[in-house]
N, C-alpha and C. Protein backbone atom coordinates (compact mmCIF):
# COMPACT_ATOMS: atom_id res chain seq x y z
N MET A 1 -4.91 11.60 10.05
CA MET A 1 -6.30 11.46 9.65
C MET A 1 -6.06 10.80 8.46
N THR A 2 -7.41 9.53 8.77
CA THR A 2 -6.95 8.51 7.95
C THR A 2 -7.52 8.88 6.35
N LYS A 3 -6.81 8.34 5.53
CA LYS A 3 -7.51 8.72 3.86
C LYS A 3 -8.49 7.92 3.80
N ASP A 4 -9.19 7.88 2.61
CA ASP A 4 -10.42 7.13 2.02
C ASP A 4 -9.50 6.07 1.56
N VAL A 5 -10.05 4.53 1.88
CA VAL A 5 -9.50 3.52 1.29
C VAL A 5 -9.24 3.24 -0.32
N PHE A 6 -10.67 3.76 -0.73
CA PHE A 6 -11.08 3.60 -1.90
C PHE A 6 -10.04 4.66 -2.97
N HIS A 7 -10.16 5.80 -2.52
CA HIS A 7 -9.35 6.71 -3.22
C HIS A 7 -7.82 6.26 -3.28
N ALA A 8 -7.54 5.65 -2.24
CA ALA A 8 -6.05 5.27 -2.18
C ALA A 8 -5.83 4.10 -3.19
N ILE A 9 -6.88 3.32 -3.42
CA ILE A 9 -6.59 2.11 -4.45
C ILE A 9 -7.03 2.38 -5.85
N ALA A 10 -7.61 3.53 -6.04
CA ALA A 10 -7.65 4.30 -7.27
C ALA A 10 -6.60 4.39 -8.08
N ASP A 11 -5.52 4.67 -7.67
CA ASP A 11 -4.46 4.78 -8.37
C ASP A 11 -3.53 3.45 -8.77
N PRO A 12 -3.58 3.29 -9.99
CA PRO A 12 -2.98 2.16 -10.56
C PRO A 12 -1.22 1.67 -10.11
N ASN A 13 -0.82 2.82 -9.82
CA ASN A 13 0.65 2.82 -9.10
C ASN A 13 0.40 2.09 -7.59
N ARG A 14 -0.46 2.64 -6.82
CA ARG A 14 -0.74 2.05 -5.49
C ARG A 14 -1.13 0.58 -5.57
N ARG A 15 -1.97 0.21 -6.52
CA ARG A 15 -2.34 -1.07 -6.72
C ARG A 15 -1.38 -2.00 -6.96
N HIS A 16 -0.45 -1.59 -7.92
CA HIS A 16 0.79 -2.26 -8.29
C HIS A 16 1.71 -2.45 -7.01
N LEU A 17 1.94 -1.66 -6.29
CA LEU A 17 2.71 -1.56 -5.01
C LEU A 17 1.96 -2.42 -3.91
N LEU A 18 0.52 -2.51 -3.89
CA LEU A 18 0.03 -3.45 -2.98
C LEU A 18 0.10 -5.03 -3.56
N GLU A 19 0.22 -4.87 -4.99
CA GLU A 19 0.41 -6.51 -5.09
C GLU A 19 1.94 -6.96 -4.78
N GLU A 20 2.78 -6.12 -4.76
CA GLU A 20 4.31 -6.47 -5.04
C GLU A 20 4.04 -6.63 -3.14
N LEU A 21 3.52 -5.56 -2.62
CA LEU A 21 3.69 -5.85 -0.98
C LEU A 21 2.73 -7.64 -0.33
N ARG A 22 1.96 -7.63 -1.58
CA ARG A 22 1.26 -8.79 -1.50
C ARG A 22 1.92 -10.23 -1.04
N ARG A 23 3.31 -10.21 -2.14
CA ARG A 23 4.17 -11.19 -2.51
C ARG A 23 4.87 -11.33 -1.08
N GLN A 24 5.80 -9.93 -0.89
CA GLN A 24 6.44 -9.95 0.25
C GLN A 24 6.74 -8.73 0.79
N PRO A 25 7.09 -8.50 2.32
CA PRO A 25 7.19 -6.97 2.74
C PRO A 25 8.51 -6.51 1.89
N GLN A 26 8.86 -4.92 1.56
CA GLN A 26 9.79 -4.44 0.55
C GLN A 26 10.10 -3.33 1.21
N THR A 27 11.47 -2.90 0.95
CA THR A 27 11.63 -1.67 0.90
C THR A 27 11.22 -0.53 -0.08
N VAL A 28 11.59 0.74 0.12
CA VAL A 28 11.15 1.80 -1.09
C VAL A 28 11.77 1.23 -2.34
N ASN A 29 13.28 1.37 -1.78
CA ASN A 29 14.26 1.20 -3.00
C ASN A 29 13.80 -0.35 -3.76
N GLU A 30 13.26 -1.36 -3.05
CA GLU A 30 13.33 -2.67 -3.68
C GLU A 30 11.85 -2.31 -4.54
N LEU A 31 11.10 -1.88 -4.03
CA LEU A 31 9.72 -1.32 -4.80
C LEU A 31 9.75 -0.60 -5.97
N ALA A 32 10.71 0.25 -5.88
CA ALA A 32 10.76 1.31 -7.00
C ALA A 32 11.86 0.77 -8.24
N ASN A 33 12.80 -0.58 -8.01
CA ASN A 33 13.15 -1.28 -9.16
C ASN A 33 12.05 -1.55 -9.86
N GLY A 34 12.26 -1.46 -11.37
CA GLY A 34 11.45 -2.00 -12.05
C GLY A 34 10.06 -1.01 -12.36
N LEU A 35 9.85 0.18 -11.82
CA LEU A 35 8.56 0.96 -11.92
C LEU A 35 9.20 2.28 -13.01
N PRO A 36 7.99 2.84 -13.62
CA PRO A 36 8.83 4.02 -14.47
C PRO A 36 8.49 5.05 -13.55
N ILE A 37 8.35 5.15 -12.21
CA ILE A 37 8.27 6.56 -11.56
C ILE A 37 9.56 6.40 -10.56
N SER A 38 9.73 7.74 -9.92
CA SER A 38 10.87 7.77 -9.27
C SER A 38 10.75 7.28 -7.70
N ARG A 39 11.69 7.01 -6.91
CA ARG A 39 12.04 6.61 -5.65
C ARG A 39 10.93 7.33 -4.85
N PRO A 40 11.42 8.91 -4.83
CA PRO A 40 10.25 9.62 -4.27
C PRO A 40 8.75 9.76 -4.39
N ALA A 41 8.51 9.40 -5.84
CA ALA A 41 7.09 8.94 -5.92
C ALA A 41 6.47 7.89 -5.19
N VAL A 42 7.44 6.90 -5.37
CA VAL A 42 7.18 5.52 -4.46
C VAL A 42 6.67 5.85 -2.84
N SER A 43 7.83 6.57 -2.76
CA SER A 43 7.44 7.20 -1.05
C SER A 43 6.09 7.76 -0.96
N GLN A 44 5.89 8.70 -1.84
CA GLN A 44 4.40 9.17 -1.82
C GLN A 44 3.40 8.52 -2.01
N HIS A 45 3.44 7.62 -2.73
CA HIS A 45 2.20 6.45 -2.89
C HIS A 45 2.27 5.66 -1.70
N LEU A 46 3.53 4.96 -1.18
CA LEU A 46 3.16 4.40 -0.05
C LEU A 46 2.90 5.14 1.19
N LYS A 47 3.01 6.33 1.39
CA LYS A 47 2.45 7.48 2.49
C LYS A 47 0.95 7.30 2.22
N ALA A 48 0.67 7.77 1.02
CA ALA A 48 -1.26 7.45 0.91
C ALA A 48 -1.71 6.17 1.34
N LEU A 49 -0.80 4.98 1.22
CA LEU A 49 -1.22 3.68 1.81
C LEU A 49 -1.23 3.52 3.04
N LEU A 50 0.04 4.02 3.71
CA LEU A 50 -0.01 4.00 4.97
C LEU A 50 -1.13 4.87 5.87
N ASP A 51 -1.35 5.91 5.36
CA ASP A 51 -2.25 7.05 5.85
C ASP A 51 -3.71 6.34 5.72
N SER A 52 -4.21 5.51 4.77
CA SER A 52 -5.34 4.70 4.36
C SER A 52 -5.68 3.62 5.06
N GLY A 53 -4.35 3.18 6.24
CA GLY A 53 -4.35 1.97 6.85
C GLY A 53 -4.11 0.52 5.92
N LEU A 54 -3.72 0.48 4.54
CA LEU A 54 -3.55 -0.49 3.94
C LEU A 54 -2.02 -1.29 4.03
N VAL A 55 -1.25 -0.63 4.50
CA VAL A 55 0.05 -1.01 4.76
C VAL A 55 0.59 -0.62 6.07
N THR A 56 1.56 -1.38 6.62
CA THR A 56 2.43 -1.14 7.84
C THR A 56 4.04 -0.57 7.45
N VAL A 57 4.48 0.01 8.32
CA VAL A 57 5.99 -0.02 8.01
C VAL A 57 6.77 -0.32 9.41
N GLU A 58 8.00 -0.61 9.10
CA GLU A 58 8.85 -1.38 10.14
C GLU A 58 10.05 -0.70 9.87
N SER A 59 10.97 -0.16 10.97
CA SER A 59 12.12 0.41 10.51
C SER A 59 12.92 -0.85 11.31
N LYS A 60 14.16 -1.43 10.46
CA LYS A 60 15.30 -2.09 10.71
C LYS A 60 16.49 -1.62 10.08
N GLY A 61 17.31 -0.95 11.06
CA GLY A 61 18.08 -0.18 10.87
C GLY A 61 17.66 0.73 10.42
N THR A 62 18.68 1.16 8.97
CA THR A 62 18.40 2.41 8.43
C THR A 62 17.36 2.07 7.32
N SER A 63 16.59 1.07 7.39
CA SER A 63 15.77 0.49 6.26
C SER A 63 14.26 0.68 6.98
N ARG A 64 13.50 0.99 6.01
CA ARG A 64 11.97 0.87 6.29
C ARG A 64 11.46 -0.01 5.31
N ILE A 65 10.60 -1.09 6.12
CA ILE A 65 10.17 -2.38 5.32
C ILE A 65 8.35 -1.93 5.38
N TYR A 66 8.36 -2.15 4.44
CA TYR A 66 6.61 -1.91 4.32
C TYR A 66 5.72 -3.04 3.79
N ALA A 67 4.85 -3.56 4.56
CA ALA A 67 4.02 -4.68 4.23
C ALA A 67 2.66 -4.29 4.08
N VAL A 68 1.81 -5.37 3.64
CA VAL A 68 0.21 -5.30 3.59
C VAL A 68 -0.33 -5.20 4.84
N ARG A 69 -0.87 -4.71 5.13
CA ARG A 69 -2.04 -4.71 6.76
C ARG A 69 -3.57 -5.15 6.50
N MET A 70 -3.41 -6.40 6.22
CA MET A 70 -4.80 -7.28 6.12
C MET A 70 -5.89 -6.42 6.67
N ASP A 71 -5.89 -6.38 7.80
CA ASP A 71 -7.23 -5.69 8.63
C ASP A 71 -7.44 -4.30 8.27
N GLY A 72 -6.73 -3.70 7.41
CA GLY A 72 -6.73 -2.25 6.72
C GLY A 72 -7.87 -2.92 5.58
N PHE A 73 -7.82 -3.75 5.10
CA PHE A 73 -8.92 -4.27 4.01
C PHE A 73 -10.05 -4.55 3.99
N MET A 74 -10.37 -4.81 5.57
CA MET A 74 -11.64 -5.07 5.93
C MET A 74 -12.78 -4.17 5.54
N HIS A 75 -12.66 -2.63 5.36
CA HIS A 75 -13.98 -1.95 4.96
C HIS A 75 -14.15 -2.26 3.54
N VAL A 76 -12.99 -2.38 2.74
CA VAL A 76 -13.04 -2.72 1.42
C VAL A 76 -13.72 -4.26 1.10
N ASN A 77 -13.62 -5.27 2.10
CA ASN A 77 -14.14 -6.48 1.92
C ASN A 77 -15.69 -6.21 2.28
N LEU A 78 -15.91 -5.41 3.21
CA LEU A 78 -17.42 -5.31 3.92
C LEU A 78 -18.23 -4.63 2.76
N TRP A 79 -17.68 -3.69 1.92
CA TRP A 79 -18.40 -2.89 1.22
C TRP A 79 -18.63 -3.68 0.08
N VAL A 80 -17.63 -4.29 -0.55
CA VAL A 80 -17.85 -5.42 -1.80
C VAL A 80 -18.88 -6.44 -1.40
N ASP A 81 -18.67 -7.02 -0.49
CA ASP A 81 -19.46 -8.45 -0.09
C ASP A 81 -20.93 -7.96 0.16
N GLN A 82 -21.29 -6.70 0.37
CA GLN A 82 -22.83 -6.50 0.24
C GLN A 82 -23.48 -6.60 -0.92
N PHE A 83 -22.45 -6.69 -2.15
CA PHE A 83 -23.12 -6.61 -3.35
C PHE A 83 -23.45 -8.24 -3.83
N TRP A 84 -22.63 -9.20 -2.83
CA TRP A 84 -22.77 -10.51 -3.04
C TRP A 84 -24.14 -11.47 -2.25
N SER A 85 -24.26 -10.43 -1.36
CA SER A 85 -25.31 -11.04 -0.49
C SER A 85 -26.74 -10.81 -0.67
């Protein structure tokens, strides 16, 4: 079941993770460095972003690498664009 994109991006920690992933794909451990939340909390936030279609995950060996899924933002773009036309 896909979660609501707007609910997913409402959380400031998730927005921060998206900003980090926009720069480059990263693992949970890389994303957790420098954040005031635990690694399991980062994993939970990434799960919500994954369920909403905003990120992808790829397994490489024992690592799971997360990246922004650009087409996942289409719904957000369409909704925001209606206010500018």
